[in-house]
Amino acid sequence: MKREVVGIQPSAAERLLAYDWPGNVRELSNCMERAVALAQRSHVSAEDLPDRVRLHEASRTVIEARDASTILPLDEVEKRYILRVLAACRGHKQEAATLLKIDRKTLYRKLDKYGWKDTADHTGGAH
């Protein structure tokens, strides 16, 4: 791109690492090309990243904690994990159930319990 960009700022690297990259290498490559093209300095900054990457909030589950008040109840950990897997599967419930190694009906019951509402049924069938 004939730019004098020689590195990446730590804040930008953190945002890149936190993003899920559903488009894999191609999406990462496009993101970096865009960031280099927009960079105002010699290092890519978080501001140079696309909004979907820069503003992405990674869901994190607390596994290790020193303060007991930060530990989540098991059902909350399960809920967050199931919803995270479902998001990674772009709402495809059968795919999520397969990855979770649970029956699709079990997944539906859990989603109903969480009050989760899907705007589109990605399974091809009614629930």
N, C-alpha and C. Protein backbone atom coordinates (compact mmCIF):
# COMPACT_ATOMS: atom_id res chain seq x y z
N MET A 1 0.82 -1.20 0.00
CA MET A 1 0.00 0.00 0.00
C MET A 1 0.86 1.26 0.00
N LYS A 2 2.17 1.07 0.01
CA LYS A 2 3.11 2.18 -0.03
C LYS A 2 2.87 3.18 1.10
N ARG A 3 2.64 2.65 2.28
CA ARG A 3 2.44 3.47 3.47
C ARG A 3 3.62 3.23 4.40
N GLU A 4 3.88 4.18 5.25
CA GLU A 4 4.98 4.07 6.19
C GLU A 4 4.49 3.53 7.54
N VAL A 5 3.61 2.56 7.51
CA VAL A 5 3.11 1.95 8.74
C VAL A 5 4.04 0.78 9.08
N VAL A 6 4.62 0.84 10.28
CA VAL A 6 5.62 -0.15 10.65
C VAL A 6 5.22 -1.02 11.85
N GLY A 7 4.05 -0.76 12.43
CA GLY A 7 3.67 -1.54 13.60
C GLY A 7 2.23 -1.28 13.99
N ILE A 8 1.91 -1.78 15.18
CA ILE A 8 0.55 -1.66 15.70
C ILE A 8 0.61 -1.28 17.17
N GLN A 9 -0.23 -0.35 17.58
CA GLN A 9 -0.27 0.07 18.98
C GLN A 9 -0.89 -1.05 19.83
N PRO A 10 -0.49 -1.16 21.09
CA PRO A 10 -1.03 -2.21 21.95
C PRO A 10 -2.57 -2.19 22.05
N SER A 11 -3.18 -1.01 22.07
CA SER A 11 -4.64 -0.95 22.17
C SER A 11 -5.30 -1.56 20.94
N ALA A 12 -4.71 -1.37 19.78
CA ALA A 12 -5.24 -1.97 18.55
C ALA A 12 -5.03 -3.48 18.57
N ALA A 13 -3.88 -3.92 19.04
CA ALA A 13 -3.61 -5.36 19.12
C ALA A 13 -4.61 -6.03 20.06
N GLU A 14 -4.93 -5.38 21.17
CA GLU A 14 -5.90 -5.93 22.12
C GLU A 14 -7.27 -6.09 21.45
N ARG A 15 -7.68 -5.09 20.67
CA ARG A 15 -8.98 -5.14 19.99
C ARG A 15 -8.98 -6.27 18.96
N LEU A 16 -7.88 -6.43 18.25
CA LEU A 16 -7.79 -7.50 17.26
C LEU A 16 -7.86 -8.88 17.91
N LEU A 17 -7.22 -9.03 19.05
CA LEU A 17 -7.23 -10.30 19.76
C LEU A 17 -8.59 -10.60 20.38
N ALA A 18 -9.32 -9.58 20.76
CA ALA A 18 -10.62 -9.77 21.41
C ALA A 18 -11.72 -10.12 20.41
N TYR A 19 -11.54 -9.77 19.14
CA TYR A 19 -12.56 -10.01 18.13
C TYR A 19 -12.57 -11.48 17.72
N ASP A 20 -13.76 -12.00 17.38
CA ASP A 20 -13.91 -13.43 17.08
C ASP A 20 -13.49 -13.85 15.67
N TRP A 21 -13.45 -12.95 14.73
CA TRP A 21 -13.06 -13.22 13.35
C TRP A 21 -13.90 -14.31 12.70
N PRO A 22 -15.23 -14.07 12.59
CA PRO A 22 -16.08 -15.07 11.95
C PRO A 22 -15.72 -15.28 10.48
N GLY A 23 -15.10 -14.30 9.85
CA GLY A 23 -14.67 -14.44 8.46
C GLY A 23 -13.26 -14.98 8.33
N ASN A 24 -12.66 -15.33 9.46
CA ASN A 24 -11.34 -15.94 9.52
C ASN A 24 -10.26 -15.07 8.89
N VAL A 25 -9.32 -15.67 8.19
CA VAL A 25 -8.14 -14.96 7.69
C VAL A 25 -8.52 -13.87 6.69
N ARG A 26 -9.49 -14.13 5.84
CA ARG A 26 -9.88 -13.13 4.85
C ARG A 26 -10.39 -11.85 5.53
N GLU A 27 -11.21 -12.01 6.56
CA GLU A 27 -11.72 -10.85 7.28
C GLU A 27 -10.60 -10.10 7.98
N LEU A 28 -9.68 -10.84 8.59
CA LEU A 28 -8.53 -10.21 9.25
C LEU A 28 -7.68 -9.46 8.24
N SER A 29 -7.42 -10.07 7.11
CA SER A 29 -6.63 -9.42 6.06
C SER A 29 -7.28 -8.13 5.59
N ASN A 30 -8.58 -8.18 5.33
CA ASN A 30 -9.30 -6.98 4.90
C ASN A 30 -9.28 -5.90 5.97
N CYS A 31 -9.42 -6.31 7.20
CA CYS A 31 -9.39 -5.36 8.32
C CYS A 31 -8.04 -4.66 8.39
N MET A 32 -6.95 -5.42 8.26
CA MET A 32 -5.62 -4.83 8.35
C MET A 32 -5.31 -3.94 7.16
N GLU A 33 -5.75 -4.33 5.96
CA GLU A 33 -5.55 -3.47 4.79
C GLU A 33 -6.24 -2.14 4.99
N ARG A 34 -7.47 -2.19 5.50
CA ARG A 34 -8.23 -0.96 5.77
C ARG A 34 -7.53 -0.12 6.83
N ALA A 35 -7.08 -0.76 7.90
CA ALA A 35 -6.43 -0.04 8.99
C ALA A 35 -5.16 0.65 8.52
N VAL A 36 -4.37 -0.04 7.71
CA VAL A 36 -3.14 0.56 7.18
C VAL A 36 -3.48 1.74 6.27
N ALA A 37 -4.51 1.58 5.46
CA ALA A 37 -4.90 2.67 4.56
C ALA A 37 -5.36 3.90 5.33
N LEU A 38 -5.99 3.69 6.49
CA LEU A 38 -6.51 4.81 7.28
C LEU A 38 -5.53 5.36 8.30
N ALA A 39 -4.46 4.62 8.57
CA ALA A 39 -3.52 5.02 9.62
C ALA A 39 -2.94 6.41 9.35
N GLN A 40 -2.97 7.23 10.37
CA GLN A 40 -2.43 8.58 10.28
C GLN A 40 -0.99 8.67 10.76
N ARG A 41 -0.55 7.61 11.41
CA ARG A 41 0.80 7.59 11.98
C ARG A 41 1.55 6.34 11.51
N SER A 42 2.70 6.11 12.10
CA SER A 42 3.52 4.97 11.70
C SER A 42 3.05 3.65 12.31
N HIS A 43 2.09 3.72 13.24
CA HIS A 43 1.54 2.52 13.87
C HIS A 43 0.02 2.54 13.76
N VAL A 44 -0.56 1.39 13.45
CA VAL A 44 -2.02 1.26 13.41
C VAL A 44 -2.54 1.45 14.83
N SER A 45 -3.55 2.30 14.97
CA SER A 45 -4.16 2.52 16.28
C SER A 45 -5.56 1.91 16.30
N ALA A 46 -6.15 1.81 17.47
CA ALA A 46 -7.51 1.26 17.59
C ALA A 46 -8.50 2.07 16.76
N GLU A 47 -8.27 3.36 16.64
CA GLU A 47 -9.17 4.22 15.87
C GLU A 47 -9.14 3.89 14.37
N ASP A 48 -8.10 3.25 13.91
CA ASP A 48 -7.97 2.88 12.51
C ASP A 48 -8.74 1.59 12.17
N LEU A 49 -9.18 0.87 13.19
CA LEU A 49 -9.88 -0.39 12.98
C LEU A 49 -11.35 -0.16 12.67
N PRO A 50 -11.98 -1.08 11.94
CA PRO A 50 -13.41 -0.96 11.66
C PRO A 50 -14.21 -0.97 12.97
N ASP A 51 -15.35 -0.31 12.98
CA ASP A 51 -16.18 -0.23 14.18
C ASP A 51 -16.50 -1.60 14.77
N ARG A 52 -16.80 -2.59 13.91
CA ARG A 52 -17.19 -3.91 14.42
C ARG A 52 -16.07 -4.54 15.23
N VAL A 53 -14.82 -4.20 14.91
CA VAL A 53 -13.67 -4.73 15.65
C VAL A 53 -13.36 -3.82 16.83
N ARG A 54 -13.31 -2.53 16.57
CA ARG A 54 -12.95 -1.56 17.61
C ARG A 54 -13.94 -1.55 18.76
N LEU A 55 -15.24 -1.72 18.46
CA LEU A 55 -16.27 -1.63 19.48
C LEU A 55 -16.73 -2.98 20.01
N HIS A 56 -16.13 -4.05 19.52
CA HIS A 56 -16.54 -5.40 19.92
C HIS A 56 -16.31 -5.62 21.41
N GLU A 57 -17.31 -6.16 22.06
CA GLU A 57 -17.21 -6.51 23.48
C GLU A 57 -17.09 -8.02 23.58
N ALA A 58 -15.94 -8.50 23.91
CA ALA A 58 -15.74 -9.94 24.05
C ALA A 58 -16.44 -10.42 25.31
N SER A 59 -17.10 -11.54 25.19
CA SER A 59 -17.70 -12.10 26.40
C SER A 59 -16.64 -12.96 27.07
N ARG A 60 -16.46 -12.73 28.30
CA ARG A 60 -15.45 -13.45 29.06
C ARG A 60 -16.11 -14.10 30.26
N THR A 61 -15.71 -15.30 30.52
CA THR A 61 -16.21 -16.03 31.66
C THR A 61 -15.11 -16.09 32.70
N VAL A 62 -15.45 -15.74 33.92
CA VAL A 62 -14.46 -15.76 34.99
C VAL A 62 -14.25 -17.21 35.42
N ILE A 63 -13.05 -17.71 35.21
CA ILE A 63 -12.70 -19.07 35.60
C ILE A 63 -11.90 -19.03 36.90
N GLU A 64 -11.01 -18.07 36.97
CA GLU A 64 -10.14 -17.97 38.12
C GLU A 64 -10.33 -16.60 38.74
N ALA A 65 -10.60 -16.57 40.02
CA ALA A 65 -10.81 -15.29 40.69
C ALA A 65 -10.27 -15.37 42.11
N ARG A 66 -9.79 -14.27 42.57
CA ARG A 66 -9.30 -14.21 43.96
C ARG A 66 -10.39 -13.73 44.89
N ASP A 67 -11.32 -12.97 44.36
CA ASP A 67 -12.43 -12.44 45.15
C ASP A 67 -13.68 -13.28 44.83
N ALA A 68 -14.21 -13.96 45.82
CA ALA A 68 -15.36 -14.84 45.61
C ALA A 68 -16.56 -14.10 45.03
N SER A 69 -16.65 -12.79 45.25
CA SER A 69 -17.80 -12.04 44.74
C SER A 69 -17.78 -11.90 43.22
N THR A 70 -16.65 -12.20 42.58
CA THR A 70 -16.57 -12.10 41.12
C THR A 70 -16.84 -13.42 40.42
N ILE A 71 -17.03 -14.48 41.19
CA ILE A 71 -17.28 -15.79 40.60
C ILE A 71 -18.76 -15.90 40.25
N LEU A 72 -19.03 -16.34 39.03
CA LEU A 72 -20.40 -16.46 38.55
C LEU A 72 -21.00 -17.80 38.96
N PRO A 73 -22.31 -17.83 39.21
CA PRO A 73 -22.97 -19.11 39.46
C PRO A 73 -22.89 -19.99 38.21
N LEU A 74 -22.89 -21.30 38.39
CA LEU A 74 -22.74 -22.24 37.30
C LEU A 74 -23.80 -22.05 36.22
N ASP A 75 -25.06 -21.80 36.61
CA ASP A 75 -26.10 -21.63 35.59
C ASP A 75 -25.87 -20.38 34.75
N GLU A 76 -25.27 -19.34 35.34
CA GLU A 76 -24.96 -18.13 34.56
C GLU A 76 -23.81 -18.39 33.59
N VAL A 77 -22.82 -19.16 34.03
CA VAL A 77 -21.71 -19.52 33.15
C VAL A 77 -22.25 -20.33 31.98
N GLU A 78 -23.12 -21.30 32.27
CA GLU A 78 -23.71 -22.12 31.22
C GLU A 78 -24.50 -21.26 30.23
N LYS A 79 -25.31 -20.35 30.76
CA LYS A 79 -26.12 -19.47 29.91
C LYS A 79 -25.22 -18.65 28.98
N ARG A 80 -24.21 -18.00 29.54
CA ARG A 80 -23.32 -17.17 28.73
C ARG A 80 -22.59 -17.99 27.67
N TYR A 81 -22.18 -19.19 28.06
CA TYR A 81 -21.45 -20.02 27.11
C TYR A 81 -22.35 -20.48 25.97
N ILE A 82 -23.55 -20.92 26.30
CA ILE A 82 -24.49 -21.35 25.27
C ILE A 82 -24.81 -20.21 24.32
N LEU A 83 -25.07 -19.02 24.86
CA LEU A 83 -25.39 -17.88 24.01
C LEU A 83 -24.19 -17.48 23.16
N ARG A 84 -22.99 -17.64 23.70
CA ARG A 84 -21.77 -17.32 22.95
C ARG A 84 -21.59 -18.30 21.79
N VAL A 85 -21.82 -19.59 22.06
CA VAL A 85 -21.71 -20.59 21.01
C VAL A 85 -22.76 -20.33 19.94
N LEU A 86 -23.98 -20.01 20.35
CA LEU A 86 -25.05 -19.72 19.40
C LEU A 86 -24.69 -18.51 18.53
N ALA A 87 -24.10 -17.49 19.13
CA ALA A 87 -23.67 -16.32 18.36
C ALA A 87 -22.57 -16.70 17.38
N ALA A 88 -21.63 -17.53 17.81
CA ALA A 88 -20.54 -17.97 16.92
C ALA A 88 -21.09 -18.78 15.76
N CYS A 89 -22.21 -19.45 15.98
CA CYS A 89 -22.86 -20.24 14.92
C CYS A 89 -23.88 -19.41 14.13
N ARG A 90 -23.85 -18.10 14.36
CA ARG A 90 -24.76 -17.16 13.68
C ARG A 90 -26.23 -17.55 13.83
N GLY A 91 -26.58 -18.06 15.01
CA GLY A 91 -27.96 -18.37 15.32
C GLY A 91 -28.43 -19.73 14.86
N HIS A 92 -27.56 -20.51 14.24
CA HIS A 92 -27.96 -21.84 13.76
C HIS A 92 -28.00 -22.79 14.96
N LYS A 93 -29.22 -23.08 15.41
CA LYS A 93 -29.38 -23.86 16.63
C LYS A 93 -28.88 -25.30 16.50
N GLN A 94 -29.12 -25.93 15.38
CA GLN A 94 -28.65 -27.31 15.22
C GLN A 94 -27.12 -27.37 15.30
N GLU A 95 -26.47 -26.43 14.64
CA GLU A 95 -25.00 -26.38 14.68
C GLU A 95 -24.51 -26.13 16.10
N ALA A 96 -25.17 -25.21 16.81
CA ALA A 96 -24.79 -24.92 18.19
C ALA A 96 -24.98 -26.15 19.07
N ALA A 97 -26.11 -26.82 18.92
CA ALA A 97 -26.38 -28.03 19.71
C ALA A 97 -25.32 -29.09 19.44
N THR A 98 -24.96 -29.24 18.18
CA THR A 98 -23.93 -30.22 17.83
C THR A 98 -22.60 -29.88 18.49
N LEU A 99 -22.20 -28.62 18.42
CA LEU A 99 -20.94 -28.20 19.05
C LEU A 99 -20.97 -28.38 20.56
N LEU A 100 -22.14 -28.11 21.15
CA LEU A 100 -22.30 -28.24 22.59
C LEU A 100 -22.48 -29.69 23.04
N LYS A 101 -22.68 -30.58 22.05
CA LYS A 101 -22.93 -32.00 22.30
C LYS A 101 -24.16 -32.21 23.18
N ILE A 102 -25.22 -31.44 22.84
CA ILE A 102 -26.52 -31.61 23.49
C ILE A 102 -27.58 -31.75 22.41
N ASP A 103 -28.71 -32.32 22.78
CA ASP A 103 -29.82 -32.48 21.86
C ASP A 103 -30.39 -31.09 21.52
N ARG A 104 -30.88 -30.94 20.30
CA ARG A 104 -31.45 -29.66 19.88
C ARG A 104 -32.62 -29.25 20.78
N LYS A 105 -33.43 -30.24 21.20
CA LYS A 105 -34.56 -29.94 22.09
C LYS A 105 -34.07 -29.41 23.44
N THR A 106 -32.95 -29.94 23.90
CA THR A 106 -32.36 -29.45 25.15
C THR A 106 -31.93 -28.00 24.98
N LEU A 107 -31.32 -27.70 23.84
CA LEU A 107 -30.91 -26.32 23.56
C LEU A 107 -32.12 -25.40 23.55
N TYR A 108 -33.21 -25.81 22.89
CA TYR A 108 -34.42 -24.99 22.86
C TYR A 108 -34.96 -24.74 24.26
N ARG A 109 -34.97 -25.78 25.11
CA ARG A 109 -35.47 -25.61 26.49
C ARG A 109 -34.61 -24.61 27.25
N LYS A 110 -33.31 -24.70 27.08
CA LYS A 110 -32.42 -23.78 27.77
C LYS A 110 -32.62 -22.35 27.26
N LEU A 111 -32.75 -22.19 25.95
CA LEU A 111 -32.97 -20.85 25.39
C LEU A 111 -34.29 -20.27 25.88
N ASP A 112 -35.33 -21.10 25.97
CA ASP A 112 -36.61 -20.63 26.52
C ASP A 112 -36.44 -20.19 27.97
N LYS A 113 -35.68 -20.96 28.73
CA LYS A 113 -35.41 -20.64 30.14
C LYS A 113 -34.71 -19.28 30.26
N TYR A 114 -33.81 -19.00 29.32
CA TYR A 114 -33.06 -17.73 29.35
C TYR A 114 -33.89 -16.57 28.81
N GLY A 115 -35.06 -16.87 28.24
CA GLY A 115 -35.87 -15.81 27.64
C GLY A 115 -35.32 -15.33 26.32
N TRP A 116 -34.48 -16.15 25.69
CA TRP A 116 -33.85 -15.79 24.42
C TRP A 116 -34.86 -15.88 23.30
N LYS A 117 -34.97 -14.83 22.51
CA LYS A 117 -35.88 -14.81 21.37
C LYS A 117 -35.08 -14.61 20.11
N ASP A 118 -35.32 -15.48 19.15
CA ASP A 118 -34.64 -15.42 17.86
C ASP A 118 -35.58 -14.73 16.88
N THR A 119 -35.06 -13.81 16.11
CA THR A 119 -35.88 -13.13 15.11
C THR A 119 -36.04 -13.95 13.85
N ALA A 120 -35.15 -14.92 13.66
CA ALA A 120 -35.24 -15.80 12.48
C ALA A 120 -34.88 -17.20 12.90
N ASP A 121 -35.62 -18.16 12.44
CA ASP A 121 -35.33 -19.56 12.76
C ASP A 121 -34.35 -20.08 11.74
N HIS A 122 -33.11 -20.35 12.18
CA HIS A 122 -32.04 -20.78 11.27
C HIS A 122 -31.99 -22.29 11.12
N THR A 123 -32.90 -23.01 11.78
CA THR A 123 -32.82 -24.47 11.74
C THR A 123 -33.63 -25.05 10.61
N GLY A 124 -34.48 -24.25 9.98
CA GLY A 124 -35.30 -24.75 8.90
C GLY A 124 -36.58 -25.37 9.39
N GLY A 125 -36.79 -25.37 10.68
CA GLY A 125 -38.01 -25.97 11.23
C GLY A 125 -38.55 -25.11 12.35
N ALA A 126 -39.74 -25.44 12.77
CA ALA A 126 -40.36 -24.70 13.86
C ALA A 126 -39.90 -25.29 15.18
N HIS A 127 -39.97 -24.49 16.23
CA HIS A 127 -39.62 -25.02 17.55
C HIS A 127 -40.75 -24.92 18.43
